[in-house]
Amino acid sequence: MSPDFSTSHFALFGQPVSFDIDEAALDQTYRDIQREVHPDRFANAPGAEKRIAAQWALQVNEAYQTLKSPLARGRYLLKQHGIDTEEETNTAMPVAFLMQQMDWREAVVAARAARDELALEQLAKDKRAEERALFELLSAQLSNRATIRDARETVRKLRFLQKLGEEIDLASEAIES
């Protein structure tokens, strides 16, 4: 495989440019490409060839990680359309969503203090259900030119939920230790 560093992540893995991808095919193609571009195959190659192989392997890994993660894939699709998610600069969210986040975070703190693993498991379950709904919405938004800009807010909401998941995990670890 000859490296083309301008190839889109989707083209690299033979996937349609879509939020909804064939994850099994992505995994198989990744393994196939990895066998071909792994730096160990170029251990005895000249220095320039080694560097290119390392860059190519890095691009393949980055592309795979991006497509494998639904949130990263959504960000990437928005970027491909010239849309910045503004995750670092725009924290404006609907009041109801922010209230839910505050309630969930307070519940995490309370469950941790009470060492209530069942409450944390329920919070994680509720968070996953909300994520599934938002990923379905994101898929629909990204597949429709009329709503693609709305996907920015959905990505930001998913980022909030990702952080909530990290807090739940930390609370669970604290209870277990």
C-alpha atoms as a PDB file:
ATOM      1  CA  MET A   1       0.000   0.000   0.000  1.00  0.00           C
ATOM      2  CA  SER A   2       1.461   3.322  -1.049  1.00  0.00           C
ATOM      3  CA  PRO A   3       0.832   6.034   1.514  1.00  0.00           C
ATOM      4  CA  ASP A   4      -1.441   8.906   0.524  1.00  0.00           C
ATOM      5  CA  PHE A   5      -1.515  11.198   3.522  1.00  0.00           C
ATOM      6  CA  SER A   6      -4.420  13.190   2.068  1.00  0.00           C
ATOM      7  CA  THR A   7      -6.775  10.200   1.999  1.00  0.00           C
ATOM      8  CA  SER A   8      -9.869  10.625   4.149  1.00  0.00           C
ATOM      9  CA  HIS A   9     -10.319   8.233   7.044  1.00  0.00           C
ATOM     10  CA  PHE A  10     -13.377   6.761   5.358  1.00  0.00           C
ATOM     11  CA  ALA A  11     -11.590   6.178   2.034  1.00  0.00           C
ATOM     12  CA  LEU A  12      -8.614   4.639   3.830  1.00  0.00           C
ATOM     13  CA  PHE A  13     -10.869   1.955   5.290  1.00  0.00           C
ATOM     14  CA  GLY A  14     -13.212   1.613   2.310  1.00  0.00           C
ATOM     15  CA  GLN A  15     -16.150   2.934   4.330  1.00  0.00           C
ATOM     16  CA  PRO A  16     -18.909   5.189   3.005  1.00  0.00           C
ATOM     17  CA  VAL A  17     -18.753   8.760   4.298  1.00  0.00           C
ATOM     18  CA  SER A  18     -21.454   8.288   6.899  1.00  0.00           C
ATOM     19  CA  PHE A  19     -21.902   8.298  10.649  1.00  0.00           C
ATOM     20  CA  ASP A  20     -23.229   4.762  10.425  1.00  0.00           C
ATOM     21  CA  ILE A  21     -20.400   2.411   9.518  1.00  0.00           C
ATOM     22  CA  ASP A  22     -19.770  -1.314   9.353  1.00  0.00           C
ATOM     23  CA  GLU A  23     -17.640  -1.751  12.471  1.00  0.00           C
ATOM     24  CA  ALA A  24     -16.755  -5.372  11.702  1.00  0.00           C
ATOM     25  CA  ALA A  25     -15.484  -4.375   8.248  1.00  0.00           C
ATOM     26  CA  LEU A  26     -13.603  -1.442   9.806  1.00  0.00           C
ATOM     27  CA  ASP A  27     -11.881  -3.780  12.283  1.00  0.00           C
ATOM     28  CA  GLN A  28     -10.975  -6.307   9.580  1.00  0.00           C
ATOM     29  CA  THR A  29      -9.632  -3.660   7.204  1.00  0.00           C
ATOM     30  CA  TYR A  30      -7.614  -2.149  10.042  1.00  0.00           C
ATOM     31  CA  ARG A  31      -5.993  -5.506  10.781  1.00  0.00           C
ATOM     32  CA  ASP A  32      -5.275  -6.017   7.075  1.00  0.00           C
ATOM     33  CA  ILE A  33      -3.680  -2.590   6.680  1.00  0.00           C
ATOM     34  CA  GLN A  34      -1.733  -2.961   9.926  1.00  0.00           C
ATOM     35  CA  ARG A  35      -0.132  -6.156   8.638  1.00  0.00           C
ATOM     36  CA  GLU A  36       1.008  -4.223   5.575  1.00  0.00           C
ATOM     37  CA  VAL A  37       2.217  -0.988   7.161  1.00  0.00           C
ATOM     38  CA  HIS A  38       3.447  -2.036  10.596  1.00  0.00           C
ATOM     39  CA  PRO A  39       6.858  -0.433  11.261  1.00  0.00           C
ATOM     40  CA  ASP A  40       8.370  -3.831  12.155  1.00  0.00           C
ATOM     41  CA  ARG A  41       8.063  -4.794   8.485  1.00  0.00           C
ATOM     42  CA  PHE A  42      10.423  -1.918   7.682  1.00  0.00           C
ATOM     43  CA  ALA A  43      13.026  -2.592  10.376  1.00  0.00           C
ATOM     44  CA  ASN A  44      15.777  -3.177   7.797  1.00  0.00           C
ATOM     45  CA  ALA A  45      14.624  -0.502   5.352  1.00  0.00           C
ATOM     46  CA  PRO A  46      16.559   2.716   4.705  1.00  0.00           C
ATOM     47  CA  GLY A  47      15.914   5.593   7.137  1.00  0.00           C
ATOM     48  CA  ALA A  48      13.596   7.582   4.863  1.00  0.00           C
ATOM     49  CA  GLU A  49      11.475   4.511   4.153  1.00  0.00           C
ATOM     50  CA  LYS A  50      11.266   3.756   7.884  1.00  0.00           C
ATOM     51  CA  ARG A  51      10.060   7.297   8.615  1.00  0.00           C
ATOM     52  CA  ILE A  52       7.392   7.108   5.903  1.00  0.00           C
ATOM     53  CA  ALA A  53       6.254   3.713   7.202  1.00  0.00           C
ATOM     54  CA  ALA A  54       6.051   5.094  10.741  1.00  0.00           C
ATOM     55  CA  GLN A  55       4.035   8.105   9.550  1.00  0.00           C
ATOM     56  CA  TRP A  56       1.742   5.849   7.551  1.00  0.00           C
ATOM     57  CA  ALA A  57       1.202   3.529  10.531  1.00  0.00           C
ATOM     58  CA  LEU A  58       0.470   6.572  12.695  1.00  0.00           C
ATOM     59  CA  GLN A  59      -2.112   7.852  10.195  1.00  0.00           C
ATOM     60  CA  VAL A  60      -3.755   4.431   9.983  1.00  0.00           C
ATOM     61  CA  ASN A  61      -3.968   4.204  13.778  1.00  0.00           C
ATOM     62  CA  GLU A  62      -5.343   7.737  14.099  1.00  0.00           C
ATOM     63  CA  ALA A  63      -7.922   7.147  11.371  1.00  0.00           C
ATOM     64  CA  TYR A  64      -8.996   3.867  12.961  1.00  0.00           C
ATOM     65  CA  GLN A  65      -9.380   5.397  16.434  1.00  0.00           C
ATOM     66  CA  THR A  66     -11.393   8.262  14.944  1.00  0.00           C
ATOM     67  CA  LEU A  67     -13.776   6.026  13.031  1.00  0.00           C
ATOM     68  CA  LYS A  68     -14.061   3.474  15.852  1.00  0.00           C
ATOM     69  CA  SER A  69     -15.338   6.075  18.348  1.00  0.00           C
ATOM     70  CA  PRO A  70     -18.823   7.364  17.488  1.00  0.00           C
ATOM     71  CA  LEU A  71     -18.119  10.722  19.126  1.00  0.00           C
ATOM     72  CA  ALA A  72     -14.787  11.166  17.327  1.00  0.00           C
ATOM     73  CA  ARG A  73     -16.419  10.016  14.075  1.00  0.00           C
ATOM     74  CA  GLY A  74     -19.129  12.658  14.486  1.00  0.00           C
ATOM     75  CA  ARG A  75     -16.509  15.348  15.120  1.00  0.00           C
ATOM     76  CA  TYR A  76     -14.556  14.204  12.076  1.00  0.00           C
ATOM     77  CA  LEU A  77     -17.625  14.314   9.830  1.00  0.00           C
ATOM     78  CA  LEU A  78     -18.427  17.820  11.015  1.00  0.00           C
ATOM     79  CA  LYS A  79     -14.835  18.876  10.387  1.00  0.00           C
ATOM     80  CA  GLN A  80     -15.061  17.418   6.877  1.00  0.00           C
ATOM     81  CA  HIS A  81     -18.020  19.746   6.317  1.00  0.00           C
ATOM     82  CA  GLY A  82     -16.066  22.720   7.665  1.00  0.00           C
ATOM     83  CA  ILE A  83     -18.041  22.838  10.911  1.00  0.00           C
ATOM     84  CA  ASP A  84     -16.248  23.437  14.203  1.00  0.00           C
ATOM     85  CA  THR A  85     -17.890  21.726  17.181  1.00  0.00           C
ATOM     86  CA  GLU A  86     -16.767  24.619  19.388  1.00  0.00           C
ATOM     87  CA  GLU A  87     -16.426  22.242  22.338  1.00  0.00           C
ATOM     88  CA  GLU A  88     -13.725  24.355  23.955  1.00  0.00           C
ATOM     89  CA  THR A  89     -15.310  27.753  23.333  1.00  0.00           C
ATOM     90  CA  ASN A  90     -19.085  27.304  23.325  1.00  0.00           C
ATOM     91  CA  THR A  91     -20.558  25.935  26.528  1.00  0.00           C
ATOM     92  CA  ALA A  92     -24.073  27.256  25.882  1.00  0.00           C
ATOM     93  CA  MET A  93     -26.558  24.422  26.260  1.00  0.00           C
ATOM     94  CA  PRO A  94     -30.302  24.104  26.705  1.00  0.00           C
ATOM     95  CA  VAL A  95     -31.291  24.718  30.326  1.00  0.00           C
ATOM     96  CA  ALA A  96     -33.053  21.346  30.666  1.00  0.00           C
ATOM     97  CA  PHE A  97     -29.890  19.515  29.536  1.00  0.00           C
ATOM     98  CA  LEU A  98     -27.719  21.473  31.979  1.00  0.00           C
ATOM     99  CA  MET A  99     -30.132  20.797  34.825  1.00  0.00           C
ATOM    100  CA  GLN A 100     -30.041  17.081  34.038  1.00  0.00           C
ATOM    101  CA  GLN A 101     -26.240  17.185  34.064  1.00  0.00           C
ATOM    102  CA  MET A 102     -26.227  18.927  37.444  1.00  0.00           C
ATOM    103  CA  ASP A 103     -28.682  16.378  38.862  1.00  0.00           C
ATOM    104  CA  TRP A 104     -26.588  13.484  37.579  1.00  0.00           C
ATOM    105  CA  ARG A 105     -23.348  14.933  38.937  1.00  0.00           C
ATOM    106  CA  GLU A 106     -24.942  15.522  42.337  1.00  0.00           C
ATOM    107  CA  ALA A 107     -26.192  11.919  42.267  1.00  0.00           C
ATOM    108  CA  VAL A 108     -22.654  10.685  41.485  1.00  0.00           C
ATOM    109  CA  VAL A 109     -21.258  12.630  44.447  1.00  0.00           C
ATOM    110  CA  ALA A 110     -24.013  11.328  46.744  1.00  0.00           C
ATOM    111  CA  ALA A 111     -23.578   7.713  45.579  1.00  0.00           C
ATOM    112  CA  ARG A 112     -19.828   7.928  46.057  1.00  0.00           C
ATOM    113  CA  ALA A 113     -20.220   9.370  49.546  1.00  0.00           C
ATOM    114  CA  ALA A 114     -22.750   6.656  50.433  1.00  0.00           C
ATOM    115  CA  ARG A 115     -20.570   4.003  48.739  1.00  0.00           C
ATOM    116  CA  ASP A 116     -23.684   3.012  46.785  1.00  0.00           C
ATOM    117  CA  GLU A 117     -22.475   0.967  43.823  1.00  0.00           C
ATOM    118  CA  LEU A 118     -26.032   0.154  42.731  1.00  0.00           C
ATOM    119  CA  ALA A 119     -26.850   3.854  42.407  1.00  0.00           C
ATOM    120  CA  LEU A 120     -23.724   4.348  40.295  1.00  0.00           C
ATOM    121  CA  GLU A 121     -24.680   1.400  38.097  1.00  0.00           C
ATOM    122  CA  GLN A 122     -28.129   2.929  37.565  1.00  0.00           C
ATOM    123  CA  LEU A 123     -26.582   6.289  36.706  1.00  0.00           C
ATOM    124  CA  ALA A 124     -24.291   4.589  34.199  1.00  0.00           C
ATOM    125  CA  LYS A 125     -27.273   2.792  32.679  1.00  0.00           C
ATOM    126  CA  ASP A 126     -29.240   6.056  32.409  1.00  0.00           C
ATOM    127  CA  LYS A 127     -26.228   7.785  30.853  1.00  0.00           C
ATOM    128  CA  ARG A 128     -25.835   5.008  28.253  1.00  0.00           C
ATOM    129  CA  ALA A 129     -29.524   5.285  27.336  1.00  0.00           C
ATOM    130  CA  GLU A 130     -29.167   9.039  26.861  1.00  0.00           C
ATOM    131  CA  GLU A 131     -26.027   8.482  24.776  1.00  0.00           C
ATOM    132  CA  ARG A 132     -27.825   5.976  22.527  1.00  0.00           C
ATOM    133  CA  ALA A 133     -30.604   8.494  21.910  1.00  0.00           C
ATOM    134  CA  LEU A 134     -28.112  11.252  21.159  1.00  0.00           C
ATOM    135  CA  PHE A 135     -26.080   9.024  18.810  1.00  0.00           C
ATOM    136  CA  GLU A 136     -29.281   8.204  16.903  1.00  0.00           C
ATOM    137  CA  LEU A 137     -30.036  11.917  16.688  1.00  0.00           C
ATOM    138  CA  LEU A 138     -26.456  12.651  15.585  1.00  0.00           C
ATOM    139  CA  SER A 139     -26.705  10.040  12.845  1.00  0.00           C
ATOM    140  CA  ALA A 140     -29.896  11.634  11.549  1.00  0.00           C
ATOM    141  CA  GLN A 141     -28.469  15.149  11.770  1.00  0.00           C
ATOM    142  CA  LEU A 142     -25.276  14.227   9.937  1.00  0.00           C
ATOM    143  CA  SER A 143     -27.160  12.546   7.113  1.00  0.00           C
ATOM    144  CA  ASN A 144     -29.304  15.624   6.395  1.00  0.00           C
ATOM    145  CA  ARG A 145     -27.782  18.828   5.026  1.00  0.00           C
ATOM    146  CA  ALA A 146     -30.615  20.838   6.626  1.00  0.00           C
ATOM    147  CA  THR A 147     -29.706  19.662  10.154  1.00  0.00           C
ATOM    148  CA  ILE A 148     -25.966  19.081   9.931  1.00  0.00           C
ATOM    149  CA  ARG A 149     -25.146  22.303  11.802  1.00  0.00           C
ATOM    150  CA  ASP A 150     -27.412  21.136  14.653  1.00  0.00           C
ATOM    151  CA  ALA A 151     -25.024  18.216  15.099  1.00  0.00           C
ATOM    152  CA  ARG A 152     -22.534  20.588  16.791  1.00  0.00           C
ATOM    153  CA  GLU A 153     -24.760  20.851  19.850  1.00  0.00           C
ATOM    154  CA  THR A 154     -25.364  17.097  19.867  1.00  0.00           C
ATOM    155  CA  VAL A 155     -21.600  16.467  19.829  1.00  0.00           C
ATOM    156  CA  ARG A 156     -21.172  18.916  22.722  1.00  0.00           C
ATOM    157  CA  LYS A 157     -23.919  17.110  24.665  1.00  0.00           C
ATOM    158  CA  LEU A 158     -22.191  13.786  24.028  1.00  0.00           C
ATOM    159  CA  ARG A 159     -18.945  15.263  25.319  1.00  0.00           C
ATOM    160  CA  PHE A 160     -20.746  16.234  28.552  1.00  0.00           C
ATOM    161  CA  LEU A 161     -22.005  12.657  28.857  1.00  0.00           C
ATOM    162  CA  GLN A 162     -18.525  11.296  28.197  1.00  0.00           C
ATOM    163  CA  LYS A 163     -17.211  13.382  31.093  1.00  0.00           C
ATOM    164  CA  LEU A 164     -20.101  12.187  33.272  1.00  0.00           C
ATOM    165  CA  GLY A 165     -19.139   8.596  32.436  1.00  0.00           C
ATOM    166  CA  GLU A 166     -15.575   9.308  33.544  1.00  0.00           C
ATOM    167  CA  GLU A 167     -16.890  10.703  36.844  1.00  0.00           C
ATOM    168  CA  ILE A 168     -19.052   7.614  37.367  1.00  0.00           C
ATOM    169  CA  ASP A 169     -16.051   5.368  36.666  1.00  0.00           C
ATOM    170  CA  LEU A 170     -13.889   7.282  39.140  1.00  0.00           C
ATOM    171  CA  ALA A 171     -16.595   7.074  41.792  1.00  0.00           C
ATOM    172  CA  SER A 172     -16.938   3.319  41.217  1.00  0.00           C
ATOM    173  CA  GLU A 173     -13.167   2.861  41.495  1.00  0.00           C
ATOM    174  CA  ALA A 174     -13.145   4.847  44.727  1.00  0.00           C
ATOM    175  CA  ILE A 175     -15.843   2.628  46.205  1.00  0.00           C
ATOM    176  CA  GLU A 176     -14.011  -0.544  45.169  1.00  0.00           C
ATOM    177  CA  SER A 177     -10.709   0.513  46.707  1.00  0.00           C
END
